[in-house]
Amino acid sequence: MKDQRTTTRYMTGFGNSFETEALPGALPIGRNSPQKCNYGLYAEQLSGTAFTAPKSSNQRSWLYRIRPSVKHSGRLVKVDKGLLRNAPQAREESDLPLAQLRWGPVPLPQSPVNFIEGLHTITTAGDSDARAGMGAHLLLVTKSMEKEYFCNSDGEMLIVAQQNCLRFATEFGVLEIEPGEICVIPRGVIFRCELVNGPARGYVCENYGGSFILPDRGPIGANCLANPRDFLTPEAAYEDREEPSKLFMKWGGELFVCDIGQSPLDVVAWHGNYAPYKYDLRRFSPVGSVLYDHPDPSIYTVLTAPSETPGTANVDFVIFPERWSVGENTFRPPWYHRNIMSEFMGLVYGVYDAKPEGFVPGGMSLHNSMLAHGPDETSFEHASTAELKPVKMEGSLAFMFETKFPQRVTAYASKLATLDQTYVDCWQGLKKKFNPSVRDPG
């Protein structure tokens, strides 16, 4: 048994076409599929888009592996999918009334739970079979996958680490993330998830649509927001392991498993632009107002998955990082609003400025399409009377999975003990301040 996964090494640049080999000469020169590959390898293409997609959006990688992946797919048998759900889900799944929702952190299980078992679907949106919409999952992991592997054919997975680190051994190489970092595993890529420093909690956005890309910066120009050079893609690292294993596949909202006789992470070399990657959210360069008014939260978009409607995302991944707040004569927290988009939020660490109480690290909230939301009473009163000097918002990282589709809550999420039954009351204390006789609020 030979294992080339003792180190984690990366290449930089978002969307680039890379080439990497764990053995010298494993990559063929001048052709993708030679009659015979060096080292007795098999050539195989993994396509993330249709063959005929325009060059600017075409995604594919060539893999040079010990066995073709068809050898890693035995007789698939449907198994219990646990708490995993896909869109569209039955409307009867949850009988919660329509409302703004918030959950506290869900405790980590005391029993051994791996990555697959630890995926707990909170919301779904759109239709996974139609390749539109998303699922938001809570991730609770207390044990590493060992001779088990997972492949999601329904969507790419954006994973946000919240408590402790996660290591993903993939066909392309190894990715490791800590709180404050994310990784994206494309649709169809096989991987194994391992714990690094104890049980881990995180959030997962399952994007049913086209792949995440960097948003256009428009008038912002060439710099700031998430810079391509800060995205890391793994260098080739393979496993040559002959041991009974299991491959789990998520397909069409169901979970299947088959027995295989070896590790499927056997890619010795690869080249292309369809590969897993990671990103440190602390490298995001925020831009904002330097005089007055709170800008739209879209300026905090890290990644976007466009829809067929220009300017309206299938999914946006947005963060609220450390930043300076300097607006003059400005209500600085997010303003009250109703929105066509639906917003699933989580807090990685720190205190969220619009909800200093009740929304805590490891928690989550859902503000669905056209449901009004904004700062609670305490935040409003403080922001309306505070001295407006420059303030640096430090030690906090919140994020949002935002989609144009309504998000439907699962039965699991609707029955969680951590569901805050009093959340809507946080706005009840907002007082009527209208006085037609006083123009200046003083």
Protein backbone atom coordinates (compact mmCIF):
# COMPACT_ATOMS: atom_id res chain seq x y z
CA MET A 1 0.00 0.00 0.00
CA LYS A 2 1.39 3.38 -1.04
CA ASP A 3 -0.03 6.68 0.18
CA GLN A 4 1.04 10.03 -1.29
CA ARG A 5 -1.20 12.13 1.03
CA THR A 6 1.25 12.97 3.80
CA THR A 7 1.41 16.67 2.90
CA THR A 8 -1.09 19.32 1.88
CA ARG A 9 0.17 21.60 -0.90
CA TYR A 10 -1.69 24.17 -2.93
CA MET A 11 -1.73 26.08 -6.18
CA THR A 12 -3.19 29.59 -6.34
CA GLY A 13 -5.71 31.41 -8.51
CA PHE A 14 -9.47 31.14 -8.97
CA GLY A 15 -10.74 29.50 -12.16
CA ASN A 16 -7.28 28.91 -13.58
CA SER A 17 -6.41 25.85 -15.61
CA PHE A 18 -3.84 24.00 -13.51
CA GLU A 19 -1.60 21.04 -14.10
CA THR A 20 -0.06 19.00 -11.30
CA GLU A 21 1.51 15.56 -10.94
CA ALA A 22 2.55 13.49 -7.93
CA LEU A 23 4.98 11.43 -10.06
CA PRO A 24 7.28 12.95 -12.69
CA GLY A 25 5.99 12.41 -16.22
CA ALA A 26 2.52 11.29 -15.12
CA LEU A 27 1.01 14.13 -17.18
CA PRO A 28 1.14 13.46 -20.92
CA ILE A 29 2.65 16.23 -23.02
CA GLY A 30 0.80 17.65 -26.00
CA ARG A 31 -2.24 15.38 -25.75
CA ASN A 32 -4.94 14.52 -23.24
CA SER A 33 -5.51 10.84 -23.94
CA PRO A 34 -2.43 9.08 -25.34
CA GLN A 35 -2.64 5.50 -26.52
CA LYS A 36 -0.72 4.48 -23.40
CA CYS A 37 -0.24 6.65 -20.31
CA ASN A 38 2.94 6.54 -18.27
CA TYR A 39 2.97 4.34 -15.16
CA GLY A 40 0.07 2.32 -16.56
CA LEU A 41 -2.43 5.04 -15.67
CA TYR A 42 -5.89 5.52 -17.13
CA ALA A 43 -6.90 8.86 -18.71
CA GLU A 44 -10.34 10.14 -17.78
CA GLN A 45 -12.19 13.43 -18.23
CA LEU A 46 -14.46 14.93 -15.57
CA SER A 47 -16.79 17.58 -17.02
CA GLY A 48 -18.59 20.14 -14.87
CA THR A 49 -20.37 21.70 -17.85
CA ALA A 50 -21.71 20.44 -21.15
CA PHE A 51 -19.02 19.71 -23.73
CA THR A 52 -20.42 22.52 -25.87
CA ALA A 53 -20.46 25.23 -23.17
CA PRO A 54 -18.75 28.46 -24.31
CA LYS A 55 -15.03 28.55 -23.75
CA SER A 56 -15.36 31.24 -21.07
CA SER A 57 -17.60 29.03 -18.93
CA ASN A 58 -16.47 25.54 -19.93
CA GLN A 59 -15.26 23.49 -16.96
CA ARG A 60 -13.43 20.20 -17.21
CA SER A 61 -10.36 18.41 -15.93
CA TRP A 62 -8.35 15.47 -17.20
CA LEU A 63 -7.45 12.90 -14.54
CA TYR A 64 -4.69 10.30 -14.79
CA ARG A 65 -5.54 7.60 -12.31
CA ILE A 66 -4.66 4.10 -11.19
CA ARG A 67 -8.12 2.80 -12.07
CA PRO A 68 -10.89 4.47 -14.10
CA SER A 69 -13.67 5.72 -11.85
CA VAL A 70 -16.12 3.22 -13.35
CA LYS A 71 -14.09 0.63 -11.41
CA HIS A 72 -14.98 2.53 -8.21
CA SER A 73 -18.71 2.22 -8.84
CA GLY A 74 -20.07 -1.21 -8.04
CA ARG A 75 -23.68 -2.27 -7.61
CA LEU A 76 -25.29 0.78 -6.06
CA VAL A 77 -28.00 0.10 -3.50
CA LYS A 78 -30.35 2.73 -2.06
CA VAL A 79 -29.87 3.35 1.67
CA ASP A 80 -31.49 5.53 4.32
CA LYS A 81 -30.61 9.17 3.56
CA GLY A 82 -30.96 10.18 7.19
CA LEU A 83 -31.68 13.90 7.56
CA LEU A 84 -30.66 14.81 3.99
CA ARG A 85 -33.37 16.44 1.91
CA ASN A 86 -33.56 17.83 -1.63
CA ALA A 87 -35.74 20.42 -3.34
CA PRO A 88 -38.56 20.36 -4.05
CA GLN A 89 -39.64 18.91 -0.74
CA ALA A 90 -43.22 18.19 0.21
CA ARG A 91 -44.93 21.30 1.51
CA GLU A 92 -46.31 19.19 4.31
CA GLU A 93 -42.75 18.52 5.55
CA SER A 94 -43.04 21.41 8.00
CA ASP A 95 -46.13 22.90 9.59
CA LEU A 96 -44.32 25.97 10.94
CA PRO A 97 -46.27 29.18 10.30
CA LEU A 98 -44.73 31.68 7.91
CA ALA A 99 -42.35 33.82 9.96
CA GLN A 100 -38.82 35.05 10.41
CA LEU A 101 -36.92 32.18 12.05
CA ARG A 102 -33.84 31.80 14.22
CA TRP A 103 -32.10 28.82 15.78
CA GLY A 104 -29.46 28.60 18.49
CA PRO A 105 -26.43 26.31 18.06
CA VAL A 106 -27.30 22.63 17.79
CA PRO A 107 -25.15 20.59 20.20
CA LEU A 108 -22.69 18.15 18.70
CA PRO A 109 -23.85 14.53 19.01
CA GLN A 110 -22.31 12.33 21.70
CA SER A 111 -22.39 9.34 19.34
CA PRO A 112 -19.97 8.78 16.43
CA VAL A 113 -21.25 10.63 13.34
CA ASN A 114 -19.31 11.01 10.10
CA PHE A 115 -19.68 13.68 7.38
CA ILE A 116 -22.48 11.90 5.52
CA GLU A 117 -24.49 11.14 8.64
CA GLY A 118 -23.76 14.63 9.96
CA LEU A 119 -25.49 16.50 7.12
CA HIS A 120 -28.74 17.87 8.55
CA THR A 121 -30.83 19.74 5.97
CA ILE A 122 -32.36 22.97 7.32
CA THR A 123 -33.88 24.44 4.14
CA THR A 124 -34.28 23.61 0.46
CA ALA A 125 -35.13 25.91 -2.45
CA GLY A 126 -35.90 25.44 -6.14
CA ASP A 127 -35.65 22.03 -7.82
CA SER A 128 -32.47 19.96 -7.77
CA ASP A 129 -33.53 17.88 -10.79
CA ALA A 130 -33.96 21.11 -12.77
CA ARG A 131 -30.49 22.25 -11.64
CA ALA A 132 -31.88 25.33 -9.91
CA GLY A 133 -31.84 26.43 -6.30
CA MET A 134 -29.96 25.25 -3.23
CA GLY A 135 -30.04 23.38 0.06
CA ALA A 136 -28.74 24.74 3.37
CA HIS A 137 -27.37 22.09 5.70
CA LEU A 138 -26.04 22.07 9.23
CA LEU A 139 -22.92 19.90 9.53
CA LEU A 140 -22.20 18.03 12.78
CA VAL A 141 -19.22 15.63 12.66
CA THR A 142 -17.78 13.60 15.54
CA LYS A 143 -15.74 10.96 13.68
CA SER A 144 -13.58 10.74 10.58
CA MET A 145 -14.51 8.78 7.51
CA GLU A 146 -12.03 5.92 7.16
CA LYS A 147 -12.82 3.43 4.43
CA GLU A 148 -15.82 5.48 3.34
CA TYR A 149 -16.08 7.97 0.48
CA PHE A 150 -18.78 10.37 -0.71
CA CYS A 151 -19.80 11.79 -4.07
CA ASN A 152 -22.58 14.36 -4.52
CA SER A 153 -24.10 14.33 -8.01
CA ASP A 154 -26.88 16.78 -7.14
CA GLY A 155 -24.78 19.87 -6.57
CA GLU A 156 -21.49 21.44 -5.58
CA MET A 157 -20.91 21.86 -1.86
CA LEU A 158 -19.65 25.07 -0.23
CA ILE A 159 -18.54 24.17 3.30
CA VAL A 160 -18.10 26.81 6.04
CA ALA A 161 -16.08 25.63 9.05
CA GLN A 162 -17.48 26.97 12.33
CA GLN A 163 -15.98 24.86 15.12
CA ASN A 164 -12.65 23.04 14.74
CA CYS A 165 -10.98 21.94 11.50
CA LEU A 166 -12.00 19.62 8.68
CA ARG A 167 -9.72 17.83 6.23
CA PHE A 168 -11.03 16.75 2.83
CA ALA A 169 -9.03 14.10 1.00
CA THR A 170 -10.32 14.40 -2.59
CA GLU A 171 -9.52 12.88 -5.96
CA PHE A 172 -7.55 16.05 -6.74
CA GLY A 173 -5.59 16.31 -3.49
CA VAL A 174 -6.08 17.39 0.11
CA LEU A 175 -7.88 20.49 1.44
CA GLU A 176 -7.96 21.51 5.10
CA ILE A 177 -10.12 24.29 6.52
CA GLU A 178 -10.46 25.97 9.91
CA PRO A 179 -13.09 28.42 11.24
CA GLY A 180 -12.86 31.48 9.02
CA GLU A 181 -12.17 29.38 5.91
CA ILE A 182 -14.37 27.70 3.32
CA CYS A 183 -13.89 25.01 0.72
CA VAL A 184 -15.90 24.17 -2.38
CA ILE A 185 -16.15 20.60 -3.68
CA PRO A 186 -17.59 20.47 -7.22
CA ARG A 187 -20.46 18.25 -8.24
CA GLY A 188 -19.31 14.67 -8.87
CA VAL A 189 -15.94 14.84 -7.06
CA ILE A 190 -15.24 11.95 -4.67
CA PHE A 191 -13.84 12.74 -1.22
CA ARG A 192 -13.34 11.57 2.35
CA CYS A 193 -13.78 13.93 5.33
CA GLU A 194 -11.54 13.66 8.40
CA LEU A 195 -11.44 15.44 11.75
CA VAL A 196 -8.25 17.29 12.68
CA ASN A 197 -8.60 18.63 16.23
CA GLY A 198 -11.85 17.24 17.57
CA PRO A 199 -15.56 17.17 16.72
CA ALA A 200 -16.53 19.83 14.20
CA ARG A 201 -19.53 21.97 13.36
CA GLY A 202 -20.09 23.78 10.08
CA TYR A 203 -22.58 24.90 7.47
CA VAL A 204 -23.00 23.59 3.92
CA CYS A 205 -24.57 25.29 0.91
CA GLU A 206 -25.48 22.71 -1.72
CA ASN A 207 -25.70 24.61 -4.99
CA TYR A 208 -27.93 22.78 -7.46
CA GLY A 209 -27.22 25.26 -10.28
CA GLY A 210 -24.16 26.34 -12.24
CA SER A 211 -20.85 26.54 -10.42
CA PHE A 212 -19.86 29.37 -8.11
CA ILE A 213 -17.79 32.08 -9.76
CA LEU A 214 -16.34 35.39 -8.64
CA PRO A 215 -18.85 38.23 -9.01
CA ASP A 216 -18.27 40.99 -11.54
CA ARG A 217 -16.88 44.05 -9.76
CA GLY A 218 -18.45 46.61 -12.09
CA PRO A 219 -17.58 50.19 -11.05
CA ILE A 220 -15.47 48.84 -8.18
CA GLY A 221 -12.86 47.97 -10.78
CA ALA A 222 -10.09 45.41 -10.83
CA ASN A 223 -9.33 45.12 -7.12
CA CYS A 224 -10.86 44.33 -3.70
CA LEU A 225 -13.55 41.85 -2.65
CA ALA A 226 -12.25 38.28 -3.12
CA ASN A 227 -9.07 38.28 -5.19
CA PRO A 228 -8.41 35.26 -7.44
CA ARG A 229 -4.85 34.78 -6.18
CA ASP A 230 -6.13 33.93 -2.68
CA PHE A 231 -8.05 30.82 -3.75
CA LEU A 232 -6.09 27.59 -3.26
CA THR A 233 -6.44 24.39 -5.27
CA PRO A 234 -4.75 21.16 -4.13
CA GLU A 235 -1.73 19.67 -5.79
CA ALA A 236 -2.06 16.07 -6.95
CA ALA A 237 -1.73 13.45 -4.22
CA TYR A 238 -2.91 9.88 -4.63
CA GLU A 239 -3.75 6.82 -2.57
CA ASP A 240 -2.81 3.34 -3.76
CA ARG A 241 -4.76 1.35 -1.20
CA GLU A 242 -6.13 -2.16 -1.75
CA GLU A 243 -8.77 -2.45 0.98
CA PRO A 244 -12.52 -3.08 1.15
CA SER A 245 -14.28 0.30 1.14
CA LYS A 246 -17.68 1.88 0.58
CA LEU A 247 -18.61 4.65 -1.84
CA PHE A 248 -21.74 6.66 -1.02
CA MET A 249 -23.40 8.64 -3.80
CA LYS A 250 -26.08 11.30 -3.48
CA TRP A 251 -28.14 11.32 -6.68
CA GLY A 252 -31.64 12.66 -7.34
CA GLY A 253 -32.16 13.43 -3.67
CA GLU A 254 -31.50 9.81 -2.66
CA LEU A 255 -28.48 8.16 -1.09
CA PHE A 256 -26.85 5.06 -2.58
CA VAL A 257 -23.88 2.93 -1.57
CA CYS A 258 -21.69 0.32 -3.20
CA ASP A 259 -18.79 -1.86 -2.08
CA ILE A 260 -15.42 -1.28 -3.73
CA GLY A 261 -12.08 -2.96 -3.22
CA GLN A 262 -9.77 0.05 -3.13
CA SER A 263 -9.49 3.76 -2.46
CA PRO A 264 -11.08 5.83 -5.26
CA LEU A 265 -8.71 8.71 -4.49
CA ASP A 266 -6.16 7.35 -6.94
CA VAL A 267 -5.51 10.31 -9.26
CA VAL A 268 -1.75 10.60 -9.77
CA ALA A 269 -1.90 13.70 -11.99
CA TRP A 270 -4.49 16.10 -13.34
CA HIS A 271 -4.91 19.24 -15.39
CA GLY A 272 -7.90 21.51 -15.98
CA ASN A 273 -10.16 24.06 -14.31
CA TYR A 274 -12.76 21.85 -12.59
CA ALA A 275 -11.36 21.10 -9.15
CA PRO A 276 -11.96 21.64 -5.41
CA TYR A 277 -10.62 24.81 -3.79
CA LYS A 278 -10.43 26.64 -0.47
CA TYR A 279 -10.45 30.30 0.55
CA ASP A 280 -9.59 32.18 3.73
CA LEU A 281 -12.48 34.60 4.32
CA ARG A 282 -10.15 36.86 6.32
CA ARG A 283 -8.44 37.75 3.05
CA PHE A 284 -11.63 39.31 1.69
CA SER A 285 -11.04 43.01 1.02
CA PRO A 286 -14.31 44.82 1.86
CA VAL A 287 -15.32 48.08 0.29
CA GLY A 288 -17.95 50.43 1.65
CA SER A 289 -19.27 53.93 2.08
CA VAL A 290 -16.70 56.51 3.16
CA LEU A 291 -19.15 59.38 3.66
CA TYR A 292 -22.81 58.46 4.24
CA ASP A 293 -25.43 55.71 3.84
CA HIS A 294 -25.14 51.99 4.40
CA PRO A 295 -24.42 50.33 1.01
CA ASP A 296 -26.21 47.27 -0.30
CA PRO A 297 -24.94 43.99 1.22
CA SER A 298 -24.15 42.74 -2.29
CA ILE A 299 -20.76 44.47 -1.95
CA TYR A 300 -19.84 41.65 0.44
CA THR A 301 -20.39 38.89 -2.13
CA VAL A 302 -17.54 36.38 -2.12
CA LEU A 303 -18.94 33.94 -4.69
CA THR A 304 -22.02 33.88 -6.88
CA ALA A 305 -23.82 31.21 -8.88
CA PRO A 306 -25.71 33.14 -11.59
CA SER A 307 -29.19 32.25 -12.77
CA GLU A 308 -30.79 32.72 -16.18
CA THR A 309 -31.98 36.17 -14.98
CA PRO A 310 -29.16 38.72 -15.37
CA GLY A 311 -28.12 40.20 -12.05
CA THR A 312 -30.22 37.78 -10.00
CA ALA A 313 -28.32 34.90 -8.45
CA ASN A 314 -29.29 31.30 -8.13
CA VAL A 315 -27.12 31.50 -4.99
CA ASP A 316 -24.91 34.23 -3.55
CA PHE A 317 -22.41 33.56 -0.79
CA VAL A 318 -22.05 36.78 1.19
CA ILE A 319 -20.01 37.54 4.31
CA PHE A 320 -19.98 40.29 6.92
CA PRO A 321 -16.31 40.47 7.94
CA GLU A 322 -14.23 42.82 10.04
CA ARG A 323 -14.40 46.34 8.62
CA TRP A 324 -14.49 50.04 9.45
CA SER A 325 -17.78 51.88 9.81
CA VAL A 326 -17.40 55.62 9.17
CA GLY A 327 -20.70 56.91 7.70
CA GLU A 328 -21.73 60.42 8.75
CA ASN A 329 -25.36 61.12 9.71
CA THR A 330 -26.07 57.51 8.82
CA PHE A 331 -27.96 54.63 10.39
CA ARG A 332 -25.05 52.20 10.27
CA PRO A 333 -26.53 48.73 10.82
CA PRO A 334 -28.38 47.08 7.92
CA TRP A 335 -31.58 49.01 7.29
CA TYR A 336 -35.05 47.51 7.56
CA HIS A 337 -35.94 45.84 4.31
CA ARG A 338 -38.02 43.36 2.35
CA ASN A 339 -36.30 41.51 -0.45
CA ILE A 340 -37.10 39.24 -3.38
CA MET A 341 -34.16 37.09 -2.30
CA SER A 342 -34.38 34.71 0.67
CA GLU A 343 -31.56 34.78 3.21
CA PHE A 344 -30.12 31.94 5.28
CA MET A 345 -27.57 33.34 7.74
CA GLY A 346 -25.01 31.83 10.09
CA LEU A 347 -22.48 33.23 12.54
CA VAL A 348 -19.01 31.71 12.59
CA TYR A 349 -17.67 33.74 15.50
CA GLY A 350 -18.11 37.06 17.30
CA VAL A 351 -21.17 39.30 17.57
CA TYR A 352 -23.38 40.30 14.63
CA ASP A 353 -24.01 44.06 14.77
CA ALA A 354 -27.71 43.96 13.83
CA LYS A 355 -28.53 41.25 16.39
CA PRO A 356 -26.14 41.53 19.37
CA GLU A 357 -28.42 39.30 21.46
CA GLY A 358 -29.79 35.89 20.53
CA PHE A 359 -27.85 35.35 17.30
CA VAL A 360 -24.75 33.52 18.51
CA PRO A 361 -21.87 31.55 16.92
CA GLY A 362 -23.08 28.25 15.55
CA GLY A 363 -26.63 29.59 15.26
CA MET A 364 -28.58 30.40 12.11
CA SER A 365 -31.56 32.40 10.87
CA LEU A 366 -33.90 32.44 7.90
CA HIS A 367 -35.53 35.56 6.44
CA ASN A 368 -37.58 34.38 3.51
CA SER A 369 -38.59 36.25 0.38
CA MET A 370 -40.56 39.45 1.10
CA LEU A 371 -40.59 38.92 4.88
CA ALA A 372 -39.53 42.16 6.56
CA HIS A 373 -36.49 42.13 8.80
CA GLY A 374 -33.75 44.34 10.18
CA PRO A 375 -32.14 45.41 13.46
CA ASP A 376 -33.82 44.54 16.73
CA GLU A 377 -34.98 47.24 19.14
CA THR A 378 -31.71 47.40 21.07
CA SER A 379 -29.64 47.78 17.91
CA PHE A 380 -31.98 50.43 16.52
CA GLU A 381 -31.90 52.58 19.65
CA HIS A 382 -28.13 52.32 19.95
CA ALA A 383 -27.48 53.10 16.27
CA SER A 384 -29.90 56.04 16.35
CA THR A 385 -28.20 57.76 19.28
CA ALA A 386 -24.55 56.66 19.17
CA GLU A 387 -21.74 59.13 18.57
CA LEU A 388 -20.83 58.69 14.91
CA LYS A 389 -17.09 58.37 15.11
CA PRO A 390 -15.11 55.82 13.07
CA VAL A 391 -15.57 52.38 14.57
CA LYS A 392 -13.78 49.20 13.59
CA MET A 393 -16.03 46.15 13.72
CA GLU A 394 -13.66 43.46 14.94
CA GLY A 395 -13.72 39.81 15.92
CA SER A 396 -16.88 38.89 14.02
CA LEU A 397 -17.67 36.84 10.92
CA ALA A 398 -21.22 36.20 9.70
CA PHE A 399 -22.29 34.83 6.34
CA MET A 400 -25.38 34.48 4.17
CA PHE A 401 -26.58 31.92 1.62
CA GLU A 402 -28.94 34.01 -0.50
CA THR A 403 -31.14 32.69 -3.30
CA LYS A 404 -33.90 33.99 -5.55
CA PHE A 405 -36.05 30.98 -4.57
CA PRO A 406 -38.19 30.71 -1.43
CA GLN A 407 -36.53 28.46 1.13
CA ARG A 408 -38.69 25.73 2.64
CA VAL A 409 -37.91 24.52 6.15
CA THR A 410 -37.47 20.78 6.76
CA ALA A 411 -39.33 18.80 9.41
CA TYR A 412 -36.02 18.32 11.23
CA ALA A 413 -35.35 22.07 11.42
CA SER A 414 -38.93 22.86 12.43
CA LYS A 415 -38.70 20.54 15.45
CA LEU A 416 -35.24 21.51 16.71
CA ALA A 417 -35.14 22.30 20.40
CA THR A 418 -32.92 25.29 19.59
CA LEU A 419 -35.63 26.98 17.47
CA ASP A 420 -36.15 30.40 19.05
CA GLN A 421 -39.89 30.64 19.62
CA THR A 422 -39.57 34.29 20.70
CA TYR A 423 -37.50 35.58 17.76
CA VAL A 424 -40.26 37.68 16.21
CA ASP A 425 -40.64 39.48 19.55
CA CYS A 426 -37.28 41.22 19.08
CA TRP A 427 -39.08 43.84 16.95
CA GLN A 428 -42.15 44.28 19.16
CA GLY A 429 -40.48 46.91 21.31
CA LEU A 430 -39.92 49.29 18.39
CA LYS A 431 -41.82 52.40 19.39
CA LYS A 432 -43.88 54.80 17.36
CA LYS A 433 -41.80 57.97 17.07
CA PHE A 434 -43.89 59.88 14.54
CA ASN A 435 -44.74 63.46 15.51
CA PRO A 436 -46.10 65.69 12.72
CA SER A 437 -45.33 68.79 14.84
CA VAL A 438 -41.60 68.13 15.12
CA ARG A 439 -39.62 68.13 11.88
CA ASP A 440 -36.15 67.82 13.40
CA PRO A 441 -35.78 64.62 15.49
CA GLY A 442 -33.21 66.47 17.59
